[in-house]
C-alpha atoms as a PDB file:
ATOM      1  CA  MET A   1      12.545  28.701  -1.541  1.00  0.00           C
ATOM      2  CA  PRO A   2      15.834  26.907  -1.029  1.00  0.00           C
ATOM      3  CA  ARG A   3      18.761  27.883  -3.271  1.00  0.00           C
ATOM      4  CA  THR A   4      17.835  24.998  -5.557  1.00  0.00           C
ATOM      5  CA  GLY A   5      15.022  27.045  -7.066  1.00  0.00           C
ATOM      6  CA  LEU A   6      12.567  24.430  -5.816  1.00  0.00           C
ATOM      7  CA  SER A   7       9.889  24.945  -3.215  1.00  0.00           C
ATOM      8  CA  ALA A   8      10.177  22.864  -0.055  1.00  0.00           C
ATOM      9  CA  GLU A   9       7.432  20.555  -1.335  1.00  0.00           C
ATOM     10  CA  GLN A  10       9.077  20.193  -4.752  1.00  0.00           C
ATOM     11  CA  LEU A  11      12.411  19.335  -3.133  1.00  0.00           C
ATOM     12  CA  LYS A  12      10.715  16.761  -0.927  1.00  0.00           C
ATOM     13  CA  GLU A  13       8.914  15.141  -3.882  1.00  0.00           C
ATOM     14  CA  LYS A  14      12.094  15.123  -5.967  1.00  0.00           C
ATOM     15  CA  ALA A  15      13.945  13.396  -3.120  1.00  0.00           C
ATOM     16  CA  ILE A  16      11.186  10.778  -2.840  1.00  0.00           C
ATOM     17  CA  ASP A  17      11.309  10.175  -6.605  1.00  0.00           C
ATOM     18  CA  ALA A  18      15.099   9.767  -6.510  1.00  0.00           C
ATOM     19  CA  THR A  19      14.840   7.413  -3.546  1.00  0.00           C
ATOM     20  CA  LEU A  20      12.385   5.194  -5.379  1.00  0.00           C
ATOM     21  CA  VAL A  21      14.699   5.067  -8.407  1.00  0.00           C
ATOM     22  CA  ARG A  22      17.661   4.115  -6.195  1.00  0.00           C
ATOM     23  CA  VAL A  23      15.674   1.512  -4.251  1.00  0.00           C
ATOM     24  CA  ARG A  24      14.587  -0.093  -7.492  1.00  0.00           C
ATOM     25  CA  ARG A  25      18.129  -0.109  -8.816  1.00  0.00           C
ATOM     26  CA  ASP A  26      20.201  -0.881  -5.704  1.00  0.00           C
ATOM     27  CA  GLY A  27      17.781  -2.312  -3.123  1.00  0.00           C
ATOM     28  CA  HIS A  28      16.687  -0.466  -0.014  1.00  0.00           C
ATOM     29  CA  ASP A  29      19.662  -1.543   2.123  1.00  0.00           C
ATOM     30  CA  LYS A  30      22.174   0.221  -0.120  1.00  0.00           C
ATOM     31  CA  VAL A  31      20.475   3.598  -0.445  1.00  0.00           C
ATOM     32  CA  ARG A  32      22.018   6.466   1.521  1.00  0.00           C
ATOM     33  CA  LEU A  33      20.638   9.939   2.115  1.00  0.00           C
ATOM     34  CA  SER A  34      23.826  11.470   0.699  1.00  0.00           C
ATOM     35  CA  ASP A  35      23.387   9.485  -2.551  1.00  0.00           C
ATOM     36  CA  VAL A  36      19.822  10.712  -2.949  1.00  0.00           C
ATOM     37  CA  ALA A  37      20.946  14.287  -2.294  1.00  0.00           C
ATOM     38  CA  ARG A  38      23.674  13.966  -4.937  1.00  0.00           C
ATOM     39  CA  ASP A  39      21.143  12.529  -7.411  1.00  0.00           C
ATOM     40  CA  ILE A  40      18.955  15.618  -7.112  1.00  0.00           C
ATOM     41  CA  GLY A  41      21.838  18.091  -6.974  1.00  0.00           C
ATOM     42  CA  VAL A  42      21.678  19.252  -3.358  1.00  0.00           C
ATOM     43  CA  SER A  43      23.765  18.709  -0.267  1.00  0.00           C
ATOM     44  CA  HIS A  44      22.535  16.063   2.121  1.00  0.00           C
ATOM     45  CA  ALA A  45      22.076  18.852   4.674  1.00  0.00           C
ATOM     46  CA  ALA A  46      19.378  20.321   2.409  1.00  0.00           C
ATOM     47  CA  LEU A  47      17.312  17.163   2.974  1.00  0.00           C
ATOM     48  CA  TYR A  48      17.418  17.195   6.781  1.00  0.00           C
ATOM     49  CA  PRO A  49      14.623  19.781   7.199  1.00  0.00           C
ATOM     50  CA  HIS A  50      12.357  17.333   5.338  1.00  0.00           C
ATOM     51  CA  PHE A  51      13.727  13.959   6.429  1.00  0.00           C
ATOM     52  CA  ALA A  52      15.455  13.449   9.774  1.00  0.00           C
ATOM     53  CA  ASP A  53      17.268  10.408   8.426  1.00  0.00           C
ATOM     54  CA  LYS A  54      17.163   7.651   5.816  1.00  0.00           C
ATOM     55  CA  ALA A  55      14.303   5.924   7.633  1.00  0.00           C
ATOM     56  CA  ALA A  56      12.155   9.057   7.399  1.00  0.00           C
ATOM     57  CA  LEU A  57      12.906   9.352   3.687  1.00  0.00           C
ATOM     58  CA  PHE A  58      11.927   5.707   3.162  1.00  0.00           C
ATOM     59  CA  ASP A  59       8.762   6.205   5.169  1.00  0.00           C
ATOM     60  CA  ALA A  60       7.796   9.143   2.940  1.00  0.00           C
ATOM     61  CA  MET A  61       8.525   7.099  -0.193  1.00  0.00           C
ATOM     62  CA  LEU A  62       6.435   4.155   0.984  1.00  0.00           C
ATOM     63  CA  GLU A  63       3.658   6.390   2.268  1.00  0.00           C
ATOM     64  CA  ARG A  64       3.270   7.910  -1.190  1.00  0.00           C
ATOM     65  CA  TRP A  65       3.523   4.448  -2.779  1.00  0.00           C
ATOM     66  CA  LEU A  66       0.692   3.224  -0.515  1.00  0.00           C
ATOM     67  CA  ARG A  67      -1.432   6.308  -1.142  1.00  0.00           C
ATOM     68  CA  ASP A  68      -1.744   5.205  -4.776  1.00  0.00           C
ATOM     69  CA  SER A  69      -3.099   1.835  -3.611  1.00  0.00           C
ATOM     70  CA  THR A  70      -5.533   3.422  -1.196  1.00  0.00           C
ATOM     71  CA  GLU A  71      -6.848   5.743  -3.910  1.00  0.00           C
ATOM     72  CA  SER A  72      -7.307   2.888  -6.397  1.00  0.00           C
ATOM     73  CA  LEU A  73      -9.316   0.944  -3.847  1.00  0.00           C
ATOM     74  CA  ALA A  74     -11.342   4.018  -2.905  1.00  0.00           C
ATOM     75  CA  ALA A  75     -12.368   4.276  -6.568  1.00  0.00           C
ATOM     76  CA  VAL A  76     -13.782   0.739  -6.350  1.00  0.00           C
ATOM     77  CA  THR A  77     -15.635   1.715  -3.169  1.00  0.00           C
ATOM     78  CA  ARG A  78     -17.202   4.775  -4.859  1.00  0.00           C
ATOM     79  CA  ARG A  79     -18.445   2.894  -7.929  1.00  0.00           C
ATOM     80  CA  SER A  80     -22.139   2.268  -8.289  1.00  0.00           C
ATOM     81  CA  GLY A  81     -23.663  -1.160  -8.553  1.00  0.00           C
ATOM     82  CA  ASP A  82     -24.043  -4.248  -6.440  1.00  0.00           C
ATOM     83  CA  ALA A  83     -22.119  -3.852  -3.173  1.00  0.00           C
ATOM     84  CA  GLN A  84     -21.200  -7.537  -2.931  1.00  0.00           C
ATOM     85  CA  ALA A  85     -19.760  -7.499  -6.447  1.00  0.00           C
ATOM     86  CA  ARG A  86     -17.770  -4.377  -5.535  1.00  0.00           C
ATOM     87  CA  ILE A  87     -16.445  -6.119  -2.403  1.00  0.00           C
ATOM     88  CA  VAL A  88     -15.136  -8.942  -4.576  1.00  0.00           C
ATOM     89  CA  ASP A  89     -13.697  -6.369  -7.003  1.00  0.00           C
ATOM     90  CA  TRP A  90     -12.114  -4.486  -4.095  1.00  0.00           C
ATOM     91  CA  PHE A  91     -10.274  -7.603  -2.920  1.00  0.00           C
ATOM     92  CA  VAL A  92      -9.273  -8.544  -6.462  1.00  0.00           C
ATOM     93  CA  THR A  93      -7.943  -5.026  -7.061  1.00  0.00           C
ATOM     94  CA  LEU A  94      -5.956  -5.175  -3.817  1.00  0.00           C
ATOM     95  CA  TYR A  95      -4.562  -8.592  -4.721  1.00  0.00           C
ATOM     96  CA  ARG A  96      -3.634  -7.569  -8.249  1.00  0.00           C
ATOM     97  CA  MET A  97      -1.827  -4.462  -7.015  1.00  0.00           C
ATOM     98  CA  LYS A  98       0.120  -6.366  -4.369  1.00  0.00           C
ATOM     99  CA  ARG A  99       0.967  -9.237  -6.702  1.00  0.00           C
ATOM    100  CA  SER A 100       2.018  -6.862  -9.464  1.00  0.00           C
ATOM    101  CA  ARG A 101       4.262  -4.952  -7.100  1.00  0.00           C
ATOM    102  CA  ALA A 102       5.783  -8.144  -5.725  1.00  0.00           C
ATOM    103  CA  LEU A 103       6.605  -9.284  -9.265  1.00  0.00           C
ATOM    104  CA  ASP A 104       7.336  -5.997 -11.044  1.00  0.00           C
ATOM    105  CA  ASP A 105       8.581  -3.696  -8.289  1.00  0.00           C
ATOM    106  CA  PRO A 106      10.157  -6.092  -5.771  1.00  0.00           C
ATOM    107  CA  ALA A 107      12.632  -3.798  -3.988  1.00  0.00           C
ATOM    108  CA  PRO A 108      10.067  -1.217  -2.808  1.00  0.00           C
ATOM    109  CA  PHE A 109       7.674  -4.069  -2.040  1.00  0.00           C
ATOM    110  CA  ARG A 110      10.297  -5.657   0.242  1.00  0.00           C
ATOM    111  CA  ALA A 111      10.787  -2.277   1.923  1.00  0.00           C
ATOM    112  CA  PHE A 112       7.019  -2.119   2.461  1.00  0.00           C
ATOM    113  CA  ASP A 113       7.072  -5.634   3.926  1.00  0.00           C
ATOM    114  CA  VAL A 114       9.741  -4.556   6.424  1.00  0.00           C
ATOM    115  CA  ALA A 115       7.783  -1.412   7.310  1.00  0.00           C
ATOM    116  CA  SER A 116       4.654  -3.503   7.865  1.00  0.00           C
ATOM    117  CA  ALA A 117       6.510  -5.984  10.040  1.00  0.00           C
ATOM    118  CA  VAL A 118       7.795  -3.258  12.359  1.00  0.00           C
ATOM    119  CA  GLU A 119       4.353  -1.611  12.368  1.00  0.00           C
ATOM    120  CA  LYS A 120       5.372   1.795  11.065  1.00  0.00           C
ATOM    121  CA  PRO A 121       2.609   4.359  11.677  1.00  0.00           C
ATOM    122  CA  PHE A 122       1.979   4.909   7.956  1.00  0.00           C
ATOM    123  CA  ALA A 123       1.559   1.145   7.427  1.00  0.00           C
ATOM    124  CA  ILE A 124      -0.920   0.975  10.307  1.00  0.00           C
ATOM    125  CA  ALA A 125      -2.787   3.978   8.881  1.00  0.00           C
ATOM    126  CA  HIS A 126      -2.884   2.285   5.461  1.00  0.00           C
ATOM    127  CA  VAL A 127      -4.520  -0.834   6.906  1.00  0.00           C
ATOM    128  CA  LYS A 128      -6.945   1.341   8.888  1.00  0.00           C
ATOM    129  CA  ASP A 129      -7.925   3.146   5.664  1.00  0.00           C
ATOM    130  CA  LEU A 130      -8.471  -0.163   3.888  1.00  0.00           C
ATOM    131  CA  LEU A 131     -10.586  -1.512   6.726  1.00  0.00           C
ATOM    132  CA  GLY A 132     -12.676   1.663   6.635  1.00  0.00           C
ATOM    133  CA  GLN A 133     -13.328   1.207   2.925  1.00  0.00           C
ATOM    134  CA  LEU A 134     -14.229  -2.431   3.418  1.00  0.00           C
ATOM    135  CA  GLN A 135     -16.507  -1.589   6.339  1.00  0.00           C
ATOM    136  CA  GLU A 136     -18.319   0.940   4.167  1.00  0.00           C
ATOM    137  CA  LEU A 137     -18.875  -1.641   1.426  1.00  0.00           C
ATOM    138  CA  LEU A 138     -20.063  -4.292   3.874  1.00  0.00           C
ATOM    139  CA  ALA A 139     -22.514  -1.868   5.470  1.00  0.00           C
ATOM    140  CA  GLU A 140     -23.828  -1.009   2.016  1.00  0.00           C
ATOM    141  CA  ALA A 141     -24.255  -4.740   1.330  1.00  0.00           C
ATOM    142  CA  GLY A 142     -26.430  -5.012   4.439  1.00  0.00           C
ATOM    143  CA  VAL A 143     -23.907  -6.896   6.567  1.00  0.00           C
ATOM    144  CA  LYS A 144     -24.579  -6.437  10.278  1.00  0.00           C
ATOM    145  CA  ASP A 145     -21.620  -5.474  12.467  1.00  0.00           C
ATOM    146  CA  ALA A 146     -19.778  -4.275   9.360  1.00  0.00           C
ATOM    147  CA  ARG A 147     -16.739  -3.078  11.306  1.00  0.00           C
ATOM    148  CA  GLU A 148     -16.202  -6.439  12.972  1.00  0.00           C
ATOM    149  CA  LYS A 149     -16.902  -8.308   9.735  1.00  0.00           C
ATOM    150  CA  ALA A 150     -14.483  -6.089   7.782  1.00  0.00           C
ATOM    151  CA  ASP A 151     -11.695  -7.053  10.168  1.00  0.00           C
ATOM    152  CA  LEU A 152     -12.669 -10.717   9.957  1.00  0.00           C
ATOM    153  CA  LEU A 153     -12.795 -10.741   6.152  1.00  0.00           C
ATOM    154  CA  PHE A 154      -9.505  -8.847   5.887  1.00  0.00           C
ATOM    155  CA  ARG A 155      -7.766 -11.318   8.205  1.00  0.00           C
ATOM    156  CA  ALA A 156      -9.275 -14.317   6.431  1.00  0.00           C
ATOM    157  CA  THR A 157      -7.866 -13.116   3.113  1.00  0.00           C
ATOM    158  CA  ALA A 158      -4.389 -12.189   4.411  1.00  0.00           C
ATOM    159  CA  ALA A 159      -2.711 -14.680   2.075  1.00  0.00           C
ATOM    160  CA  PHE A 160      -3.848 -12.462  -0.802  1.00  0.00           C
ATOM    161  CA  HIS A 161      -2.648  -9.085   0.503  1.00  0.00           C
ATOM    162  CA  HIS A 162      -0.081  -9.509   3.284  1.00  0.00           C
ATOM    163  CA  PRO A 163       3.246  -8.533   1.666  1.00  0.00           C
ATOM    164  CA  THR A 164       5.225 -11.545   2.917  1.00  0.00           C
ATOM    165  CA  LEU A 165       2.552 -14.018   1.845  1.00  0.00           C
ATOM    166  CA  VAL A 166       1.962 -12.347  -1.509  1.00  0.00           C
ATOM    167  CA  THR A 167       5.693 -12.492  -2.247  1.00  0.00           C
ATOM    168  CA  GLN A 168       5.786 -16.199  -1.453  1.00  0.00           C
ATOM    169  CA  SER A 169       3.001 -17.009  -3.914  1.00  0.00           C
ATOM    170  CA  ALA A 170       3.350 -14.188  -6.472  1.00  0.00           C
ATOM    171  CA  HIS A 171       4.254 -16.539  -9.327  1.00  0.00           C
ATOM    172  CA  ASP A 172       0.932 -18.367  -8.907  1.00  0.00           C
ATOM    173  CA  ASP A 173      -2.300 -16.661  -9.905  1.00  0.00           C
ATOM    174  CA  LEU A 174      -4.521 -17.115  -6.865  1.00  0.00           C
ATOM    175  CA  GLU A 175      -7.267 -14.767  -8.022  1.00  0.00           C
ATOM    176  CA  PRO A 176      -9.845 -17.555  -8.622  1.00  0.00           C
ATOM    177  CA  GLN A 177      -9.339 -18.814  -5.051  1.00  0.00           C
ATOM    178  CA  LEU A 178      -9.640 -15.280  -3.679  1.00  0.00           C
ATOM    179  CA  ARG A 179     -12.901 -14.711  -5.536  1.00  0.00           C
ATOM    180  CA  ALA A 180     -14.306 -18.003  -4.216  1.00  0.00           C
ATOM    181  CA  ILE A 181     -13.272 -17.291  -0.621  1.00  0.00           C
ATOM    182  CA  VAL A 182     -14.708 -13.766  -0.586  1.00  0.00           C
ATOM    183  CA  ARG A 183     -17.984 -14.897  -2.171  1.00  0.00           C
ATOM    184  CA  LEU A 184     -18.280 -17.772   0.288  1.00  0.00           C
ATOM    185  CA  MET A 185     -17.678 -15.500   3.272  1.00  0.00           C
ATOM    186  CA  LEU A 186     -20.111 -12.888   1.964  1.00  0.00           C
ATOM    187  CA  ARG A 187     -22.765 -15.545   1.487  1.00  0.00           C
ATOM    188  CA  GLY A 188     -22.317 -16.551   5.130  1.00  0.00           C
ATOM    189  CA  MET A 189     -22.368 -12.941   6.336  1.00  0.00           C
ATOM    190  CA  THR A 190     -25.522 -12.032   4.447  1.00  0.00           C
ATOM    191  CA  SER A 191     -27.588 -15.197   4.895  1.00  0.00           C
ATOM    192  CA  LYS A 192     -30.616 -14.865   7.119  1.00  0.00           C
END
């Protein structure tokens, strides 16, 4: 245990929590590792074993932030019932989360947008996880070539989940259009 009385994992989580608070308050450009360390009562040197620099700390914050999204969508995937209805629900859940974060938690959402644009490994892994969930649902719905179709459907609905595009339209509720697009594409994918 470090002299803080916290385990290494506790210190790491506390630093991530403090970073999220600072990002929300000051924006991601103004957050410094030394400020986060001061907020949690340690020297900035105590953070270096866990985060090589500010970018690594931000990556950890966003990775945890995205994990919540991935888990919420996985819950939709695991539900019972009609697979096509769950696919629509999956997209609606994704859209609602992204839109809510764009409106209610804009600073971390902008940081996520930047991370996505520079193709950070955790952002790539997040998309891969989402595509895996979607592929599983499509296969359950009887869609042939589910992997290929998952990619196609995900790309076709980018306006409803890509961070830049969601931010641009967040003040408009596009959920009815999303539902119609997904249903239309599913009808085409499942027709004989």
